[in-house]
Amino acid sequence: MLSLNTAPVRPLGPKSIPSAIAKQPADRPLRLTALGLAGDEQGDTRVHGGVDKAVHHYPRDHYAAWRADLGDHPLLDGQGAFGENITTLDLTEADVAIGDRFRIGTALVEVSQGRQPCFRLNLRFEAPGVALRMQESGRTGWYYRVLEEGVVAPGDTVRLTDRLAPDWTVERIRRVFYVDMLDREALRAIAALTLLPERWRLLAQKRLASGAVEDWSPRLKGS
């Protein structure tokens, strides 16, 4: 692990919306519970946080591509630029699958879903389209649910202990939802993938029923 990052809720953007996206690296071990790291907060608990999004993991591997997209942005010089709790190297969405379990410190976590980026990223980087670019590029990172609470520390190894659905990588799920959006066979399989949070499975079911794709603009652009 390169860094372990947390933040309290602070005002973000010209409308001062509450957000804890401005994560900063911790310099000491932190308690990890079912709802996340000690000292970490969420600005809108309707869509952020909770047991299925207790911890966000983002690959430092993507920072170079973001520099190509955004230029020499100062946020990319540090860790936690994308609001992630864990920053690592050599582990990406193509490697990690839903249900993968990792031991980090004394805690055990399980991959629950990929990130669905929102407009707060645009405000964070003061650049329109960052959220959409994250979704399109697949550089989303992923979330963990906490199976065993414990203590984690900067520099801890993120060690894979089990794989429950190795065929369903975070990247494969993303491609179904945002590239091959009406692949009915894949949507049926996702709807039956109980390792995914219920809202993702319901989304697959709604597409199957309607034959249409939902409107992403409120999430990606805000109101």
Protein backbone atom coordinates (compact mmCIF):
# COMPACT_ATOMS: atom_id res chain seq x y z
CA MET A 1 0.00 0.00 0.00
CA LEU A 2 1.33 3.43 -0.95
CA SER A 3 -1.02 5.35 1.31
CA LEU A 4 -4.06 5.14 3.55
CA ASN A 5 -6.25 8.23 3.08
CA THR A 6 -9.12 9.84 5.01
CA ALA A 7 -10.93 13.15 5.20
CA PRO A 8 -13.69 14.92 7.12
CA VAL A 9 -16.58 16.54 5.29
CA ARG A 10 -15.74 19.98 3.91
CA PRO A 11 -17.40 22.40 1.45
CA LEU A 12 -16.60 21.60 -2.20
CA GLY A 13 -17.00 23.74 -5.30
CA PRO A 14 -18.74 27.08 -5.87
CA LYS A 15 -21.96 25.88 -4.21
CA SER A 16 -20.07 24.53 -1.16
CA ILE A 17 -21.64 21.10 -1.33
CA PRO A 18 -20.58 18.79 1.54
CA SER A 19 -17.93 16.30 0.47
CA ALA A 20 -15.07 14.28 1.92
CA ILE A 21 -13.35 13.71 -1.43
CA ALA A 22 -10.25 15.70 -0.42
CA LYS A 23 -8.48 12.76 1.23
CA GLN A 24 -5.10 13.15 2.92
CA PRO A 25 -2.60 10.37 3.77
CA ALA A 26 -2.67 9.07 7.33
CA ASP A 27 0.58 8.79 9.28
CA ARG A 28 -0.57 6.12 11.75
CA PRO A 29 -2.60 2.89 11.93
CA LEU A 30 -6.39 3.30 11.76
CA ARG A 31 -9.29 1.19 12.92
CA LEU A 32 -11.36 -0.24 10.07
CA THR A 33 -14.99 -1.06 10.87
CA ALA A 34 -17.95 -2.17 8.78
CA LEU A 35 -18.61 1.49 7.90
CA GLY A 36 -15.06 2.49 7.02
CA LEU A 37 -11.87 3.95 8.43
CA ALA A 38 -11.70 5.91 11.66
CA GLY A 39 -11.71 9.62 10.86
CA ASP A 40 -13.17 9.20 7.37
CA GLU A 41 -16.54 10.73 6.50
CA GLN A 42 -19.03 10.98 3.60
CA GLY A 43 -20.75 14.11 2.44
CA ASP A 44 -23.92 12.42 1.15
CA THR A 45 -24.63 9.11 2.86
CA ARG A 46 -27.52 8.40 0.49
CA VAL A 47 -25.02 7.51 -2.25
CA HIS A 48 -21.63 7.33 -0.51
CA GLY A 49 -20.40 5.04 2.23
CA GLY A 50 -22.37 2.24 3.84
CA VAL A 51 -21.43 -1.40 4.25
CA ASP A 52 -20.97 -2.06 0.53
CA LYS A 53 -18.82 1.05 0.04
CA ALA A 54 -16.88 1.11 3.28
CA VAL A 55 -13.47 1.54 1.61
CA HIS A 56 -12.49 2.84 -1.81
CA HIS A 57 -9.31 1.49 -3.45
CA TYR A 58 -7.67 3.28 -6.38
CA PRO A 59 -4.61 2.29 -8.42
CA ARG A 60 -1.74 4.75 -8.56
CA ASP A 61 -1.08 3.00 -11.89
CA HIS A 62 -3.73 5.28 -13.45
CA TYR A 63 -2.22 8.59 -12.38
CA ALA A 64 0.03 8.80 -15.47
CA ALA A 65 -2.97 8.43 -17.80
CA TRP A 66 -4.79 11.13 -15.84
CA ARG A 67 -1.79 13.40 -16.24
CA ALA A 68 -2.06 12.87 -19.99
CA ASP A 69 -5.76 13.81 -19.79
CA LEU A 70 -5.55 16.71 -17.34
CA GLY A 71 -2.01 18.01 -17.69
CA ASP A 72 0.31 18.69 -14.80
CA HIS A 73 -2.46 18.97 -12.21
CA PRO A 74 -1.10 19.46 -8.68
CA LEU A 75 -3.50 16.92 -7.16
CA LEU A 76 -1.74 14.20 -9.13
CA ASP A 77 1.52 14.86 -7.31
CA GLY A 78 0.18 13.35 -4.08
CA GLN A 79 -1.95 10.40 -2.98
CA GLY A 80 -5.71 10.29 -2.56
CA ALA A 81 -6.36 12.53 -5.57
CA PHE A 82 -9.56 10.68 -6.50
CA GLY A 83 -10.96 10.46 -3.00
CA GLU A 84 -9.65 6.95 -2.46
CA ASN A 85 -8.97 5.46 0.96
CA ILE A 86 -6.28 3.08 -0.32
CA THR A 87 -3.71 3.86 -3.01
CA THR A 88 -1.58 1.04 -4.41
CA LEU A 89 0.54 0.01 -7.39
CA ASP A 90 0.32 -3.13 -9.55
CA LEU A 91 -3.35 -3.93 -8.98
CA THR A 92 -6.06 -2.69 -11.38
CA GLU A 93 -9.70 -3.25 -12.31
CA ALA A 94 -8.66 -5.90 -14.85
CA ASP A 95 -7.00 -7.93 -12.06
CA VAL A 96 -9.62 -7.63 -9.33
CA ALA A 97 -12.97 -9.42 -9.35
CA ILE A 98 -16.20 -9.08 -7.43
CA GLY A 99 -15.91 -11.23 -4.30
CA ASP A 100 -12.12 -11.15 -4.13
CA ARG A 101 -11.02 -11.13 -0.50
CA PHE A 102 -7.96 -9.33 0.78
CA ARG A 103 -6.23 -9.29 4.13
CA ILE A 104 -5.04 -5.77 4.99
CA GLY A 105 -3.44 -5.49 8.40
CA THR A 106 -5.73 -7.42 10.74
CA ALA A 107 -8.86 -6.66 8.68
CA LEU A 108 -10.45 -8.82 5.97
CA VAL A 109 -12.25 -7.07 3.13
CA GLU A 110 -14.18 -8.20 0.05
CA VAL A 111 -14.55 -6.45 -3.32
CA SER A 112 -18.19 -5.40 -3.60
CA GLN A 113 -18.42 -3.18 -6.71
CA GLY A 114 -16.62 -0.77 -9.00
CA ARG A 115 -17.01 2.96 -8.52
CA GLN A 116 -19.78 4.84 -10.29
CA PRO A 117 -18.11 8.24 -10.60
CA CYS A 118 -20.02 11.40 -9.81
CA PHE A 119 -19.79 15.12 -10.52
CA ARG A 120 -17.81 15.77 -7.33
CA LEU A 121 -14.75 14.67 -9.29
CA ASN A 122 -15.35 17.54 -11.73
CA LEU A 123 -15.44 19.96 -8.81
CA ARG A 124 -12.40 18.39 -7.17
CA PHE A 125 -10.26 18.85 -10.27
CA GLU A 126 -12.03 22.04 -11.39
CA ALA A 127 -12.45 20.43 -14.80
CA PRO A 128 -15.73 19.38 -16.47
CA GLY A 129 -15.91 15.83 -17.71
CA VAL A 130 -13.59 14.13 -15.22
CA ALA A 131 -16.37 11.87 -13.94
CA LEU A 132 -17.41 10.89 -17.47
CA ARG A 133 -13.79 10.26 -18.43
CA MET A 134 -13.37 7.98 -15.42
CA GLN A 135 -16.44 5.99 -16.43
CA GLU A 136 -15.42 5.74 -20.08
CA SER A 137 -11.78 4.86 -19.40
CA GLY A 138 -12.47 2.23 -16.76
CA ARG A 139 -10.10 3.94 -14.35
CA THR A 140 -12.70 3.78 -11.59
CA GLY A 141 -11.17 1.87 -8.71
CA TRP A 142 -13.40 -0.34 -6.56
CA TYR A 143 -15.07 -0.63 -3.18
CA TYR A 144 -14.75 -3.11 -0.32
CA ARG A 145 -17.17 -4.38 2.26
CA VAL A 146 -15.54 -5.30 5.57
CA LEU A 147 -15.85 -8.95 6.61
CA GLU A 148 -13.57 -8.75 9.63
CA GLU A 149 -12.93 -5.46 11.37
CA GLY A 150 -9.36 -4.69 12.38
CA VAL A 151 -6.47 -2.24 12.23
CA VAL A 152 -4.78 -1.18 8.99
CA ALA A 153 -1.69 0.95 8.55
CA PRO A 154 0.12 2.83 5.78
CA GLY A 155 2.50 0.41 4.11
CA ASP A 156 0.45 -2.71 4.89
CA THR A 157 0.42 -5.44 2.25
CA VAL A 158 -2.88 -5.95 0.42
CA ARG A 159 -2.85 -9.76 0.28
CA LEU A 160 -5.34 -11.79 -1.76
CA THR A 161 -6.80 -14.66 0.28
CA ASP A 162 -9.76 -15.95 -1.79
CA ARG A 163 -11.57 -15.52 -5.12
CA LEU A 164 -15.29 -16.24 -5.24
CA ALA A 165 -16.16 -15.08 -8.78
CA PRO A 166 -12.87 -14.62 -10.68
CA ASP A 167 -14.57 -14.32 -14.09
CA TRP A 168 -16.43 -11.18 -13.01
CA THR A 169 -13.68 -8.60 -12.84
CA VAL A 170 -14.46 -4.99 -12.01
CA GLU A 171 -13.58 -4.10 -15.60
CA ARG A 172 -15.93 -6.73 -17.05
CA ILE A 173 -18.82 -5.44 -14.97
CA ARG A 174 -18.06 -1.89 -16.12
CA ARG A 175 -18.05 -2.91 -19.78
CA VAL A 176 -21.48 -4.46 -19.44
CA PHE A 177 -22.97 -1.36 -17.82
CA TYR A 178 -21.22 1.33 -19.89
CA VAL A 179 -20.09 -0.24 -23.18
CA ASP A 180 -22.14 -3.33 -24.07
CA MET A 181 -25.08 -1.83 -22.28
CA LEU A 182 -27.90 -4.09 -23.51
CA ASP A 183 -26.08 -7.43 -23.60
CA ARG A 184 -28.99 -9.44 -22.27
CA GLU A 185 -27.02 -12.58 -21.46
CA ALA A 186 -24.49 -10.60 -19.42
CA LEU A 187 -27.24 -8.58 -17.71
CA ARG A 188 -29.01 -11.78 -16.66
CA ALA A 189 -25.77 -13.11 -15.21
CA ILE A 190 -25.17 -9.86 -13.30
CA ALA A 191 -28.73 -9.86 -11.97
CA ALA A 192 -27.99 -13.30 -10.50
CA LEU A 193 -24.56 -12.37 -9.09
CA THR A 194 -25.39 -12.21 -5.39
CA LEU A 195 -21.92 -10.92 -4.49
CA LEU A 196 -22.90 -7.60 -6.09
CA PRO A 197 -24.92 -5.09 -4.04
CA GLU A 198 -28.66 -5.28 -4.60
CA ARG A 199 -28.88 -1.91 -6.38
CA TRP A 200 -26.51 -3.11 -9.14
CA ARG A 201 -28.51 -6.30 -9.63
CA LEU A 202 -31.74 -4.30 -9.72
CA LEU A 203 -30.23 -2.01 -12.34
CA ALA A 204 -29.47 -5.03 -14.53
CA GLN A 205 -33.04 -6.28 -14.02
CA LYS A 206 -34.48 -2.89 -15.00
CA ARG A 207 -32.51 -2.85 -18.24
CA LEU A 208 -33.68 -6.34 -19.05
CA ALA A 209 -37.29 -5.33 -18.43
CA SER A 210 -37.20 -1.98 -20.23
CA GLY A 211 -34.67 -2.59 -22.99
CA ALA A 212 -33.34 0.90 -22.28
CA VAL A 213 -30.36 2.50 -20.54
CA GLU A 214 -30.87 4.85 -17.60
CA ASP A 215 -29.94 8.55 -17.66
CA TRP A 216 -26.48 9.10 -16.16
CA SER A 217 -26.38 12.89 -16.45
CA PRO A 218 -27.54 13.75 -12.88
CA ARG A 219 -24.73 11.61 -11.45
CA LEU A 220 -22.03 12.72 -13.89
CA LYS A 221 -22.92 16.39 -14.20
CA GLY A 222 -24.88 17.28 -11.09
CA SER A 223 -27.86 19.60 -11.12
